[in-house]
C-alpha atoms as a PDB file:
ATOM      1  CA  MET A   1      26.500  48.900  24.133  1.00  0.00           C
ATOM      2  CA  THR A   2      27.060  47.565  27.750  1.00  0.00           C
ATOM      3  CA  LEU A   3      30.386  47.836  29.533  1.00  0.00           C
ATOM      4  CA  LEU A   4      30.746  44.209  29.317  1.00  0.00           C
ATOM      5  CA  ALA A   5      30.029  44.258  25.517  1.00  0.00           C
ATOM      6  CA  ALA A   6      33.009  46.563  25.073  1.00  0.00           C
ATOM      7  CA  LEU A   7      35.071  43.751  26.411  1.00  0.00           C
ATOM      8  CA  THR A   8      33.343  40.586  25.098  1.00  0.00           C
ATOM      9  CA  GLY A   9      31.001  41.761  22.420  1.00  0.00           C
ATOM     10  CA  ASP A  10      31.339  42.315  18.702  1.00  0.00           C
ATOM     11  CA  ALA A  11      29.545  45.191  17.130  1.00  0.00           C
ATOM     12  CA  ASP A  12      29.982  43.939  13.498  1.00  0.00           C
ATOM     13  CA  VAL A  13      28.508  40.495  14.192  1.00  0.00           C
ATOM     14  CA  GLU A  14      25.878  41.816  16.475  1.00  0.00           C
ATOM     15  CA  ALA A  15      24.619  44.126  13.598  1.00  0.00           C
ATOM     16  CA  LEU A  16      24.479  41.253  11.360  1.00  0.00           C
ATOM     17  CA  LEU A  17      22.134  39.318  13.794  1.00  0.00           C
ATOM     18  CA  SER A  18      19.929  42.393  14.911  1.00  0.00           C
ATOM     19  CA  ASP A  19      16.258  42.494  14.452  1.00  0.00           C
ATOM     20  CA  SER A  20      16.570  44.883  11.612  1.00  0.00           C
ATOM     21  CA  ALA A  21      18.981  42.507   9.766  1.00  0.00           C
ATOM     22  CA  GLN A  22      16.729  39.552  10.257  1.00  0.00           C
ATOM     23  CA  LEU A  23      13.789  41.557   8.986  1.00  0.00           C
ATOM     24  CA  GLN A  24      15.626  42.493   5.822  1.00  0.00           C
ATOM     25  CA  ALA A  25      16.623  38.769   5.384  1.00  0.00           C
ATOM     26  CA  MET A  26      12.953  37.649   5.666  1.00  0.00           C
ATOM     27  CA  LEU A  27      11.801  40.406   3.119  1.00  0.00           C
ATOM     28  CA  ARG A  28      14.441  38.946   0.737  1.00  0.00           C
ATOM     29  CA  PHE A  29      13.023  35.571   1.166  1.00  0.00           C
ATOM     30  CA  GLU A  30       9.495  36.734   0.581  1.00  0.00           C
ATOM     31  CA  GLU A  31      10.464  38.650  -2.506  1.00  0.00           C
ATOM     32  CA  ALA A  32      12.596  35.904  -3.960  1.00  0.00           C
ATOM     33  CA  LEU A  33       9.939  33.196  -3.148  1.00  0.00           C
ATOM     34  CA  ALA A  34       7.286  35.169  -5.238  1.00  0.00           C
ATOM     35  CA  ALA A  35       9.680  35.397  -8.123  1.00  0.00           C
ATOM     36  CA  SER A  36      10.519  31.927  -8.027  1.00  0.00           C
ATOM     37  CA  GLU A  37       6.786  30.918  -7.855  1.00  0.00           C
ATOM     38  CA  ALA A  38       6.105  33.122 -10.771  1.00  0.00           C
ATOM     39  CA  ALA A  39       8.877  31.457 -12.745  1.00  0.00           C
ATOM     40  CA  ALA A  40       7.358  28.032 -11.920  1.00  0.00           C
ATOM     41  CA  GLY A  41       3.809  29.208 -12.925  1.00  0.00           C
ATOM     42  CA  MET A  42       2.486  28.928  -9.334  1.00  0.00           C
ATOM     43  CA  ILE A  43       1.447  32.512  -9.092  1.00  0.00           C
ATOM     44  CA  SER A  44       1.300  35.120 -11.843  1.00  0.00           C
ATOM     45  CA  GLU A  45       4.027  37.583 -12.956  1.00  0.00           C
ATOM     46  CA  PRO A  46       1.834  40.553 -11.828  1.00  0.00           C
ATOM     47  CA  ALA A  47       1.303  39.080  -8.444  1.00  0.00           C
ATOM     48  CA  ALA A  48       5.096  38.680  -8.100  1.00  0.00           C
ATOM     49  CA  SER A  49       5.425  42.192  -9.103  1.00  0.00           C
ATOM     50  CA  ALA A  50       2.795  43.262  -6.618  1.00  0.00           C
ATOM     51  CA  VAL A  51       4.588  41.518  -3.976  1.00  0.00           C
ATOM     52  CA  ARG A  52       7.917  43.189  -4.861  1.00  0.00           C
ATOM     53  CA  VAL A  53       6.414  46.681  -4.833  1.00  0.00           C
ATOM     54  CA  ALA A  54       4.840  45.935  -1.430  1.00  0.00           C
ATOM     55  CA  ILE A  55       8.266  45.016  -0.020  1.00  0.00           C
ATOM     56  CA  GLU A  56      10.132  47.899  -1.498  1.00  0.00           C
ATOM     57  CA  GLY A  57      10.202  50.593   1.029  1.00  0.00           C
ATOM     58  CA  PHE A  58       8.218  48.670   3.718  1.00  0.00           C
ATOM     59  CA  VAL A  59       8.523  50.169   7.090  1.00  0.00           C
ATOM     60  CA  PRO A  60       7.304  47.727   9.788  1.00  0.00           C
ATOM     61  CA  ASP A  61       5.308  48.475  12.826  1.00  0.00           C
ATOM     62  CA  TRP A  62       7.909  47.220  15.395  1.00  0.00           C
ATOM     63  CA  GLN A  63       5.516  47.391  18.375  1.00  0.00           C
ATOM     64  CA  GLU A  64       2.878  45.211  16.374  1.00  0.00           C
ATOM     65  CA  LEU A  65       5.663  42.862  15.526  1.00  0.00           C
ATOM     66  CA  LYS A  66       6.775  42.487  19.189  1.00  0.00           C
ATOM     67  CA  SER A  67       3.105  41.903  20.205  1.00  0.00           C
ATOM     68  CA  GLY A  68       2.877  39.267  17.480  1.00  0.00           C
ATOM     69  CA  MET A  69       6.135  37.577  18.599  1.00  0.00           C
ATOM     70  CA  ALA A  70       4.847  37.371  22.231  1.00  0.00           C
ATOM     71  CA  ARG A  71       1.467  36.053  20.985  1.00  0.00           C
ATOM     72  CA  ASP A  72       2.529  33.545  18.284  1.00  0.00           C
ATOM     73  CA  GLY A  73       6.016  32.649  19.437  1.00  0.00           C
ATOM     74  CA  VAL A  74       7.318  33.633  15.969  1.00  0.00           C
ATOM     75  CA  VAL A  75       7.282  36.983  14.294  1.00  0.00           C
ATOM     76  CA  VAL A  76       6.186  35.863  10.849  1.00  0.00           C
ATOM     77  CA  PRO A  77       2.373  35.923  11.062  1.00  0.00           C
ATOM     78  CA  ALA A  78       2.440  39.557  12.157  1.00  0.00           C
ATOM     79  CA  LEU A  79       4.974  40.356   9.539  1.00  0.00           C
ATOM     80  CA  ILE A  80       3.010  38.710   6.810  1.00  0.00           C
ATOM     81  CA  LYS A  81      -0.205  40.581   8.026  1.00  0.00           C
ATOM     82  CA  GLN A  82       1.614  44.003   7.718  1.00  0.00           C
ATOM     83  CA  LEU A  83       2.913  43.098   4.369  1.00  0.00           C
ATOM     84  CA  ARG A  84      -0.436  41.895   2.893  1.00  0.00           C
ATOM     85  CA  GLN A  85      -1.954  45.254   3.814  1.00  0.00           C
ATOM     86  CA  ARG A  86       0.517  46.793   1.143  1.00  0.00           C
ATOM     87  CA  VAL A  87      -0.251  44.326  -1.545  1.00  0.00           C
ATOM     88  CA  GLU A  88      -2.794  45.005  -4.209  1.00  0.00           C
ATOM     89  CA  PRO A  89      -5.891  43.139  -2.901  1.00  0.00           C
ATOM     90  CA  GLU A  90      -6.329  40.928  -5.892  1.00  0.00           C
ATOM     91  CA  HIS A  91      -2.806  39.612  -5.332  1.00  0.00           C
ATOM     92  CA  ALA A  92      -2.630  39.621  -1.536  1.00  0.00           C
ATOM     93  CA  ASN A  93      -2.737  35.773  -1.322  1.00  0.00           C
ATOM     94  CA  ALA A  94       0.294  35.409  -3.618  1.00  0.00           C
ATOM     95  CA  LEU A  95       2.455  36.631  -0.818  1.00  0.00           C
ATOM     96  CA  HIS A  96       3.966  33.832   1.287  1.00  0.00           C
ATOM     97  CA  MET A  97       2.124  31.401  -0.949  1.00  0.00           C
ATOM     98  CA  GLY A  98       2.634  27.684   0.238  1.00  0.00           C
ATOM     99  CA  ALA A  99       5.289  28.721   2.775  1.00  0.00           C
ATOM    100  CA  THR A 100       5.196  28.627   6.595  1.00  0.00           C
ATOM    101  CA  SER A 101       6.911  30.634   9.256  1.00  0.00           C
ATOM    102  CA  GLN A 102       9.851  28.168   9.535  1.00  0.00           C
ATOM    103  CA  ASP A 103      10.664  28.524   5.842  1.00  0.00           C
ATOM    104  CA  VAL A 104      11.203  32.332   6.286  1.00  0.00           C
ATOM    105  CA  ILE A 105      13.065  32.321   9.523  1.00  0.00           C
ATOM    106  CA  ASP A 106      15.455  29.354   8.707  1.00  0.00           C
ATOM    107  CA  THR A 107      16.278  30.770   5.303  1.00  0.00           C
ATOM    108  CA  ALA A 108      16.637  34.251   6.708  1.00  0.00           C
ATOM    109  CA  LEU A 109      19.026  32.776   9.243  1.00  0.00           C
ATOM    110  CA  MET A 110      21.085  31.180   6.582  1.00  0.00           C
ATOM    111  CA  LEU A 111      21.499  34.485   4.854  1.00  0.00           C
ATOM    112  CA  GLN A 112      22.462  36.192   7.976  1.00  0.00           C
ATOM    113  CA  LEU A 113      24.927  33.379   8.814  1.00  0.00           C
ATOM    114  CA  SER A 114      26.532  33.778   5.332  1.00  0.00           C
ATOM    115  CA  GLU A 115      27.348  37.311   6.416  1.00  0.00           C
ATOM    116  CA  VAL A 116      28.684  36.218   9.692  1.00  0.00           C
ATOM    117  CA  LEU A 117      30.960  33.770   7.964  1.00  0.00           C
ATOM    118  CA  ALA A 118      32.363  36.540   5.804  1.00  0.00           C
ATOM    119  CA  VAL A 119      33.366  38.537   8.794  1.00  0.00           C
ATOM    120  CA  LEU A 120      34.977  35.481  10.453  1.00  0.00           C
ATOM    121  CA  ASP A 121      36.652  34.523   7.157  1.00  0.00           C
ATOM    122  CA  ALA A 122      38.305  38.143   7.035  1.00  0.00           C
ATOM    123  CA  ARG A 123      39.548  38.040  10.524  1.00  0.00           C
ATOM    124  CA  LEU A 124      40.895  34.540  10.175  1.00  0.00           C
ATOM    125  CA  VAL A 125      42.882  35.724   7.089  1.00  0.00           C
ATOM    126  CA  ASN A 126      44.052  38.622   9.063  1.00  0.00           C
ATOM    127  CA  LEU A 127      45.257  36.524  11.924  1.00  0.00           C
ATOM    128  CA  LEU A 128      47.001  33.967   9.726  1.00  0.00           C
ATOM    129  CA  ASP A 129      48.735  36.978   7.916  1.00  0.00           C
ATOM    130  CA  LYS A 130      50.024  38.262  11.253  1.00  0.00           C
ATOM    131  CA  LEU A 131      51.149  34.968  12.484  1.00  0.00           C
ATOM    132  CA  GLY A 132      52.967  34.423   9.087  1.00  0.00           C
ATOM    133  CA  ARG A 133      54.847  37.786   9.430  1.00  0.00           C
ATOM    134  CA  MET A 134      55.708  36.816  13.087  1.00  0.00           C
ATOM    135  CA  ALA A 135      57.047  33.584  11.910  1.00  0.00           C
ATOM    136  CA  SER A 136      59.206  35.290   9.212  1.00  0.00           C
ATOM    137  CA  ALA A 137      60.661  37.698  11.827  1.00  0.00           C
ATOM    138  CA  ASP A 138      60.953  35.544  15.033  1.00  0.00           C
ATOM    139  CA  ALA A 139      60.747  31.859  14.153  1.00  0.00           C
ATOM    140  CA  ASP A 140      64.336  31.106  15.067  1.00  0.00           C
ATOM    141  CA  LEU A 141      64.144  32.629  18.460  1.00  0.00           C
ATOM    142  CA  PRO A 142      64.872  30.358  21.267  1.00  0.00           C
ATOM    143  CA  LEU A 143      61.790  29.489  23.619  1.00  0.00           C
ATOM    144  CA  MET A 144      61.471  27.200  26.602  1.00  0.00           C
ATOM    145  CA  ALA A 145      58.710  24.592  26.189  1.00  0.00           C
ATOM    146  CA  HIS A 146      56.427  23.804  29.014  1.00  0.00           C
ATOM    147  CA  THR A 147      54.608  20.538  29.686  1.00  0.00           C
ATOM    148  CA  ARG A 148      52.094  20.094  32.456  1.00  0.00           C
ATOM    149  CA  MET A 149      52.978  23.674  33.474  1.00  0.00           C
ATOM    150  CA  GLN A 150      56.598  22.842  34.039  1.00  0.00           C
ATOM    151  CA  ALA A 151      59.656  23.816  32.083  1.00  0.00           C
ATOM    152  CA  ALA A 152      60.512  21.019  29.592  1.00  0.00           C
ATOM    153  CA  LEU A 153      62.961  21.418  26.763  1.00  0.00           C
ATOM    154  CA  PRO A 154      64.272  24.227  24.649  1.00  0.00           C
ATOM    155  CA  THR A 155      62.281  24.867  21.517  1.00  0.00           C
ATOM    156  CA  THR A 156      61.766  27.808  19.170  1.00  0.00           C
ATOM    157  CA  VAL A 157      59.228  30.582  18.675  1.00  0.00           C
ATOM    158  CA  GLY A 158      58.463  29.033  15.320  1.00  0.00           C
ATOM    159  CA  GLU A 159      57.254  25.770  16.927  1.00  0.00           C
ATOM    160  CA  LYS A 160      54.895  27.830  19.223  1.00  0.00           C
ATOM    161  CA  LEU A 161      53.540  29.947  16.357  1.00  0.00           C
ATOM    162  CA  ARG A 162      52.807  26.603  14.423  1.00  0.00           C
ATOM    163  CA  THR A 163      50.584  25.420  17.151  1.00  0.00           C
ATOM    164  CA  TRP A 164      48.589  28.670  16.905  1.00  0.00           C
ATOM    165  CA  ARG A 165      48.534  28.863  13.231  1.00  0.00           C
ATOM    166  CA  LYS A 166      47.578  25.219  12.030  1.00  0.00           C
ATOM    167  CA  PRO A 167      44.209  24.980  13.676  1.00  0.00           C
ATOM    168  CA  LEU A 168      43.225  28.404  12.241  1.00  0.00           C
ATOM    169  CA  VAL A 169      44.150  27.263   8.678  1.00  0.00           C
ATOM    170  CA  ARG A 170      41.852  24.256   9.091  1.00  0.00           C
ATOM    171  CA  HIS A 171      39.159  26.502  10.538  1.00  0.00           C
ATOM    172  CA  LEU A 172      39.481  28.900   7.462  1.00  0.00           C
ATOM    173  CA  ASP A 173      39.044  25.966   5.214  1.00  0.00           C
ATOM    174  CA  ALA A 174      35.968  24.874   7.089  1.00  0.00           C
ATOM    175  CA  VAL A 175      34.443  28.276   7.030  1.00  0.00           C
ATOM    176  CA  SER A 176      34.619  28.264   3.182  1.00  0.00           C
ATOM    177  CA  VAL A 177      32.978  24.849   3.030  1.00  0.00           C
ATOM    178  CA  CYS A 178      30.310  25.868   5.508  1.00  0.00           C
ATOM    179  CA  ARG A 179      29.601  28.971   3.407  1.00  0.00           C
ATOM    180  CA  ARG A 180      28.863  26.865   0.387  1.00  0.00           C
ATOM    181  CA  GLN A 181      26.598  24.446   2.327  1.00  0.00           C
ATOM    182  CA  LEU A 182      24.159  27.072   3.969  1.00  0.00           C
ATOM    183  CA  ALA A 183      20.933  25.922   2.432  1.00  0.00           C
ATOM    184  CA  VAL A 184      17.585  27.287   1.665  1.00  0.00           C
ATOM    185  CA  GLN A 185      14.756  25.955   3.809  1.00  0.00           C
ATOM    186  CA  LEU A 186      11.468  25.467   1.920  1.00  0.00           C
ATOM    187  CA  GLY A 187       8.920  22.716   3.159  1.00  0.00           C
ATOM    188  CA  GLY A 188       5.769  24.286   3.646  1.00  0.00           C
ATOM    189  CA  PRO A 189       3.445  23.686   6.799  1.00  0.00           C
ATOM    190  CA  VAL A 190       4.836  20.155   7.555  1.00  0.00           C
ATOM    191  CA  GLY A 191       7.939  20.039   5.579  1.00  0.00           C
ATOM    192  CA  ASP A 192       6.767  17.876   2.645  1.00  0.00           C
ATOM    193  CA  ARG A 193       6.371  20.610  -0.031  1.00  0.00           C
ATOM    194  CA  LEU A 194       2.826  19.523  -0.837  1.00  0.00           C
ATOM    195  CA  SER A 195       1.812  23.067  -0.599  1.00  0.00           C
ATOM    196  CA  PHE A 196       3.547  23.990  -3.798  1.00  0.00           C
ATOM    197  CA  ASP A 197       1.216  22.123  -6.238  1.00  0.00           C
ATOM    198  CA  GLY A 198       3.926  19.635  -7.172  1.00  0.00           C
ATOM    199  CA  LYS A 199       6.476  22.439  -7.861  1.00  0.00           C
ATOM    200  CA  GLY A 200       8.168  22.637  -4.593  1.00  0.00           C
ATOM    201  CA  ASP A 201      11.599  21.056  -5.696  1.00  0.00           C
ATOM    202  CA  GLU A 202      11.620  23.449  -8.809  1.00  0.00           C
ATOM    203  CA  ILE A 203      10.650  26.450  -6.688  1.00  0.00           C
ATOM    204  CA  ALA A 204      13.374  25.610  -3.930  1.00  0.00           C
ATOM    205  CA  ARG A 205      16.173  25.301  -6.463  1.00  0.00           C
ATOM    206  CA  ASP A 206      15.190  28.656  -8.067  1.00  0.00           C
ATOM    207  CA  LEU A 207      14.879  30.263  -4.777  1.00  0.00           C
ATOM    208  CA  ALA A 208      18.279  29.017  -3.729  1.00  0.00           C
ATOM    209  CA  GLY A 209      19.925  30.472  -6.829  1.00  0.00           C
ATOM    210  CA  ARG A 210      18.192  33.872  -6.157  1.00  0.00           C
ATOM    211  CA  LEU A 211      19.350  33.996  -2.616  1.00  0.00           C
ATOM    212  CA  GLY A 212      22.804  32.535  -3.156  1.00  0.00           C
ATOM    213  CA  LEU A 213      22.283  29.596  -1.078  1.00  0.00           C
ATOM    214  CA  ALA A 214      22.547  25.855  -1.687  1.00  0.00           C
ATOM    215  CA  ALA A 215      19.491  23.861  -2.742  1.00  0.00           C
ATOM    216  CA  ALA A 216      18.291  21.090  -0.336  1.00  0.00           C
ATOM    217  CA  ALA A 217      15.595  19.056   0.521  1.00  0.00           C
ATOM    218  CA  PRO A 218      13.400  20.411   3.545  1.00  0.00           C
ATOM    219  CA  TRP A 219      15.393  20.189   6.692  1.00  0.00           C
ATOM    220  CA  GLN A 220      13.165  22.027   9.241  1.00  0.00           C
ATOM    221  CA  SER A 221      13.186  19.398  11.953  1.00  0.00           C
ATOM    222  CA  MET A 222      16.669  18.182  11.130  1.00  0.00           C
ATOM    223  CA  ARG A 223      18.909  20.741  13.005  1.00  0.00           C
ATOM    224  CA  ASP A 224      22.298  19.042  12.432  1.00  0.00           C
ATOM    225  CA  PRO A 225      23.334  21.735   9.969  1.00  0.00           C
ATOM    226  CA  VAL A 226      22.767  24.419  12.585  1.00  0.00           C
ATOM    227  CA  VAL A 227      24.530  22.569  15.239  1.00  0.00           C
ATOM    228  CA  SER A 228      27.447  21.813  12.963  1.00  0.00           C
ATOM    229  CA  PHE A 229      27.671  25.562  12.374  1.00  0.00           C
ATOM    230  CA  GLY A 230      27.745  26.029  16.189  1.00  0.00           C
ATOM    231  CA  SER A 231      30.585  23.391  16.408  1.00  0.00           C
ATOM    232  CA  LEU A 232      32.686  25.328  13.987  1.00  0.00           C
ATOM    233  CA  LEU A 233      32.160  28.520  16.109  1.00  0.00           C
ATOM    234  CA  ALA A 234      33.172  26.523  19.145  1.00  0.00           C
ATOM    235  CA  LEU A 235      36.168  25.068  17.445  1.00  0.00           C
ATOM    236  CA  ILE A 236      37.386  28.676  16.393  1.00  0.00           C
ATOM    237  CA  SER A 237      36.935  30.238  19.799  1.00  0.00           C
ATOM    238  CA  GLY A 238      38.583  27.191  21.293  1.00  0.00           C
ATOM    239  CA  SER A 239      41.601  27.455  19.165  1.00  0.00           C
ATOM    240  CA  MET A 240      41.737  31.252  20.036  1.00  0.00           C
ATOM    241  CA  GLY A 241      41.514  30.240  23.781  1.00  0.00           C
ATOM    242  CA  LYS A 242      44.475  28.049  23.518  1.00  0.00           C
ATOM    243  CA  LEU A 243      46.383  30.972  21.946  1.00  0.00           C
ATOM    244  CA  GLY A 244      45.208  33.236  24.829  1.00  0.00           C
ATOM    245  CA  ALA A 245      46.096  30.720  27.428  1.00  0.00           C
ATOM    246  CA  ASP A 246      49.553  30.344  26.081  1.00  0.00           C
ATOM    247  CA  VAL A 247      50.214  34.101  25.875  1.00  0.00           C
ATOM    248  CA  THR A 248      48.862  34.603  29.574  1.00  0.00           C
ATOM    249  CA  MET A 249      51.595  32.183  30.645  1.00  0.00           C
ATOM    250  CA  LEU A 250      54.395  33.467  28.399  1.00  0.00           C
ATOM    251  CA  ALA A 251      53.628  36.897  29.802  1.00  0.00           C
ATOM    252  CA  GLN A 252      53.825  35.843  33.522  1.00  0.00           C
ATOM    253  CA  THR A 253      56.547  37.947  35.250  1.00  0.00           C
ATOM    254  CA  GLU A 254      58.245  34.811  36.404  1.00  0.00           C
ATOM    255  CA  ILE A 255      58.630  33.570  32.743  1.00  0.00           C
ATOM    256  CA  GLY A 256      58.572  36.884  30.749  1.00  0.00           C
ATOM    257  CA  SER A 257      59.089  35.208  27.286  1.00  0.00           C
ATOM    258  CA  VAL A 258      56.697  37.831  25.827  1.00  0.00           C
ATOM    259  CA  ARG A 259      55.698  41.528  26.486  1.00  0.00           C
ATOM    260  CA  LEU A 260      52.400  43.040  25.583  1.00  0.00           C
ATOM    261  CA  GLU A 261      52.448  46.663  24.485  1.00  0.00           C
ATOM    262  CA  GLY A 262      49.402  48.519  25.620  1.00  0.00           C
ATOM    263  CA  ALA A 263      48.345  45.821  28.083  1.00  0.00           C
ATOM    264  CA  GLY A 264      45.841  46.321  30.718  1.00  0.00           C
ATOM    265  CA  GLY A 265      46.513  48.434  33.874  1.00  0.00           C
ATOM    266  CA  SER A 266      45.692  48.245  37.445  1.00  0.00           C
ATOM    267  CA  SER A 267      43.950  50.725  39.720  1.00  0.00           C
ATOM    268  CA  SER A 268      46.499  50.097  42.735  1.00  0.00           C
ATOM    269  CA  MET A 269      49.668  48.495  41.080  1.00  0.00           C
ATOM    270  CA  PRO A 270      50.934  50.606  38.364  1.00  0.00           C
ATOM    271  CA  HIS A 271      53.856  48.244  37.521  1.00  0.00           C
ATOM    272  CA  LYS A 272      51.344  45.598  36.114  1.00  0.00           C
ATOM    273  CA  ALA A 273      50.632  44.981  32.432  1.00  0.00           C
ATOM    274  CA  ASN A 274      47.672  42.639  32.540  1.00  0.00           C
ATOM    275  CA  PRO A 275      47.052  40.414  29.446  1.00  0.00           C
ATOM    276  CA  VAL A 276      43.520  41.373  29.170  1.00  0.00           C
ATOM    277  CA  SER A 277      42.914  40.283  25.487  1.00  0.00           C
ATOM    278  CA  ALA A 278      44.428  36.972  26.170  1.00  0.00           C
ATOM    279  CA  GLU A 279      42.444  36.408  29.246  1.00  0.00           C
ATOM    280  CA  VAL A 280      39.223  37.192  27.442  1.00  0.00           C
ATOM    281  CA  LEU A 281      40.138  34.851  24.708  1.00  0.00           C
ATOM    282  CA  VAL A 282      40.171  31.934  27.349  1.00  0.00           C
ATOM    283  CA  SER A 283      36.777  33.156  28.824  1.00  0.00           C
ATOM    284  CA  LEU A 284      35.127  33.201  25.393  1.00  0.00           C
ATOM    285  CA  ALA A 285      36.463  29.826  24.599  1.00  0.00           C
ATOM    286  CA  ARG A 286      34.914  28.301  27.695  1.00  0.00           C
ATOM    287  CA  PHE A 287      31.679  30.361  27.092  1.00  0.00           C
ATOM    288  CA  ASN A 288      31.250  28.777  23.656  1.00  0.00           C
ATOM    289  CA  ALA A 289      32.136  25.336  24.873  1.00  0.00           C
ATOM    290  CA  GLY A 290      29.350  25.514  27.333  1.00  0.00           C
ATOM    291  CA  LEU A 291      26.763  26.983  24.917  1.00  0.00           C
ATOM    292  CA  MET A 292      27.542  24.166  22.362  1.00  0.00           C
ATOM    293  CA  GLY A 293      26.262  21.739  24.828  1.00  0.00           C
ATOM    294  CA  THR A 294      23.054  23.673  25.176  1.00  0.00           C
ATOM    295  CA  LEU A 295      22.942  23.998  21.249  1.00  0.00           C
ATOM    296  CA  HIS A 296      23.108  20.227  21.011  1.00  0.00           C
ATOM    297  CA  GLN A 297      19.834  19.907  23.006  1.00  0.00           C
ATOM    298  CA  ALA A 298      18.067  22.115  20.241  1.00  0.00           C
ATOM    299  CA  MET A 299      18.556  19.078  17.970  1.00  0.00           C
ATOM    300  CA  VAL A 300      15.728  17.374  19.802  1.00  0.00           C
ATOM    301  CA  HIS A 301      12.664  18.491  17.768  1.00  0.00           C
ATOM    302  CA  GLU A 302       9.352  16.654  18.406  1.00  0.00           C
ATOM    303  CA  ASN A 303       7.969  15.362  15.126  1.00  0.00           C
ATOM    304  CA  GLU A 304       7.806  18.031  12.345  1.00  0.00           C
ATOM    305  CA  ARG A 305       8.505  21.081  14.482  1.00  0.00           C
ATOM    306  CA  SER A 306       9.257  22.006  17.991  1.00  0.00           C
ATOM    307  CA  GLY A 307       8.710  25.495  19.311  1.00  0.00           C
ATOM    308  CA  ALA A 308      10.870  24.745  22.505  1.00  0.00           C
ATOM    309  CA  ALA A 309      13.855  23.544  20.569  1.00  0.00           C
ATOM    310  CA  TRP A 310      13.557  26.233  17.958  1.00  0.00           C
ATOM    311  CA  THR A 311      13.379  28.964  20.759  1.00  0.00           C
ATOM    312  CA  LEU A 312      16.426  27.429  22.382  1.00  0.00           C
ATOM    313  CA  GLU A 313      18.363  27.606  19.173  1.00  0.00           C
ATOM    314  CA  TRP A 314      17.439  31.409  18.698  1.00  0.00           C
ATOM    315  CA  MET A 315      18.696  31.969  22.200  1.00  0.00           C
ATOM    316  CA  VAL A 316      21.960  30.275  21.926  1.00  0.00           C
ATOM    317  CA  LEU A 317      23.408  30.596  18.487  1.00  0.00           C
ATOM    318  CA  PRO A 318      23.548  34.228  18.229  1.00  0.00           C
ATOM    319  CA  GLN A 319      25.528  34.444  21.425  1.00  0.00           C
ATOM    320  CA  MET A 320      28.073  31.852  19.965  1.00  0.00           C
ATOM    321  CA  CYS A 321      28.452  33.947  16.785  1.00  0.00           C
ATOM    322  CA  ILE A 322      29.121  37.047  18.756  1.00  0.00           C
ATOM    323  CA  ALA A 323      31.570  35.280  21.072  1.00  0.00           C
ATOM    324  CA  THR A 324      33.460  33.913  18.045  1.00  0.00           C
ATOM    325  CA  GLY A 325      33.581  37.172  16.326  1.00  0.00           C
ATOM    326  CA  ALA A 326      34.910  38.809  19.559  1.00  0.00           C
ATOM    327  CA  SER A 327      37.540  36.188  19.930  1.00  0.00           C
ATOM    328  CA  LEU A 328      38.855  36.777  16.420  1.00  0.00           C
ATOM    329  CA  ARG A 329      38.833  40.486  17.126  1.00  0.00           C
ATOM    330  CA  LEU A 330      40.574  40.280  20.360  1.00  0.00           C
ATOM    331  CA  GLY A 331      43.078  37.708  18.772  1.00  0.00           C
ATOM    332  CA  ASN A 332      44.079  40.335  16.063  1.00  0.00           C
ATOM    333  CA  THR A 333      44.654  42.924  18.953  1.00  0.00           C
ATOM    334  CA  LEU A 334      46.588  40.531  20.842  1.00  0.00           C
ATOM    335  CA  LEU A 335      49.028  39.625  18.113  1.00  0.00           C
ATOM    336  CA  GLU A 336      49.459  43.415  17.421  1.00  0.00           C
ATOM    337  CA  GLN A 337      50.536  43.739  21.067  1.00  0.00           C
ATOM    338  CA  LEU A 338      52.752  40.671  21.329  1.00  0.00           C
ATOM    339  CA  ARG A 339      56.526  41.003  21.427  1.00  0.00           C
ATOM    340  CA  PHE A 340      58.880  38.197  22.151  1.00  0.00           C
ATOM    341  CA  THR A 341      61.236  39.337  24.758  1.00  0.00           C
ATOM    342  CA  GLU A 342      64.300  37.743  23.094  1.00  0.00           C
ATOM    343  CA  ARG A 343      63.836  39.836  20.044  1.00  0.00           C
ATOM    344  CA  LEU A 344      63.439  42.993  22.073  1.00  0.00           C
ATOM    345  CA  GLU A 345      66.647  42.345  24.085  1.00  0.00           C
ATOM    346  CA  ARG A 346      68.636  41.597  20.927  1.00  0.00           C
ATOM    347  CA  LYS A 347      67.581  44.990  19.626  1.00  0.00           C
ATOM    348  CA  GLU A 348      68.575  46.686  22.878  1.00  0.00           C
ATOM    349  CA  LYS A 349      72.040  45.261  22.428  1.00  0.00           C
ATOM    350  CA  GLU A 350      72.371  46.479  18.895  1.00  0.00           C
END
């Protein structure tokens, strides 16, 4: 972990997007594909069993995979070569039958994103629970509203909390919908499923069921599902950025509407309590907003596959996932630190 990652990173999400996690997802795809093809009669049951045995306990040669990635622009050819060496020779061709590298990588991505969404879901639930408890305790407290950075009219803490909470409720619903829509990618070399002997649709449906993904027509050059996923990430981090921006201003010495327990310190001004978590929420929101524009460019696939657009997607989407995970992690920390000054002063008078 770098020093910056301790501030803006997210170890849980990073682990779900690691090389090891991707490899395990790709192996799940290959094992499930063989089972689905056997169920459809495209390969034999003994062949599917041989593939399963080869995958069990597989330990990759990572250096060889790195060399293959550098050479081929994608890791799958090197991976399949290593796996085939473990399959009984008479069944070696049953591995990866009819599939292409994009089928493996895109479906593996969907499996990984499903796990990322589970993390985001849990953290959103925790945030909403904290906001709910804060509203129960402090909703009636007076608070000065500010419009265009100027004091406006008196309002309440409850109204402020509502502006933080409502978008998160919508995002939580969107996360649930998104998880159900993550779809298997199975198209073969050019995305028309002709490499599956007329059984492509049947195999894809069975494969989706085995992997817990939605069934879908091939979508390999239609990247709007991936970009829509990125949009959800940007919306979540953006809403967290709004929360962070509000807190940084409420915590200003001249306003002092909130206090932060365990806030950041200064090397030269010991009286300061810097709203670090809130500030980073703003940074992460702006970071993801910028990456969202780059991810949109990954929609431009030339014809049936684009190595350039695909690589761009690999570079951008994991960063957005990690930034969103970090924003929810920091948001939970910030709410634990947050105290409304009016409530503290009332307690002091009691």
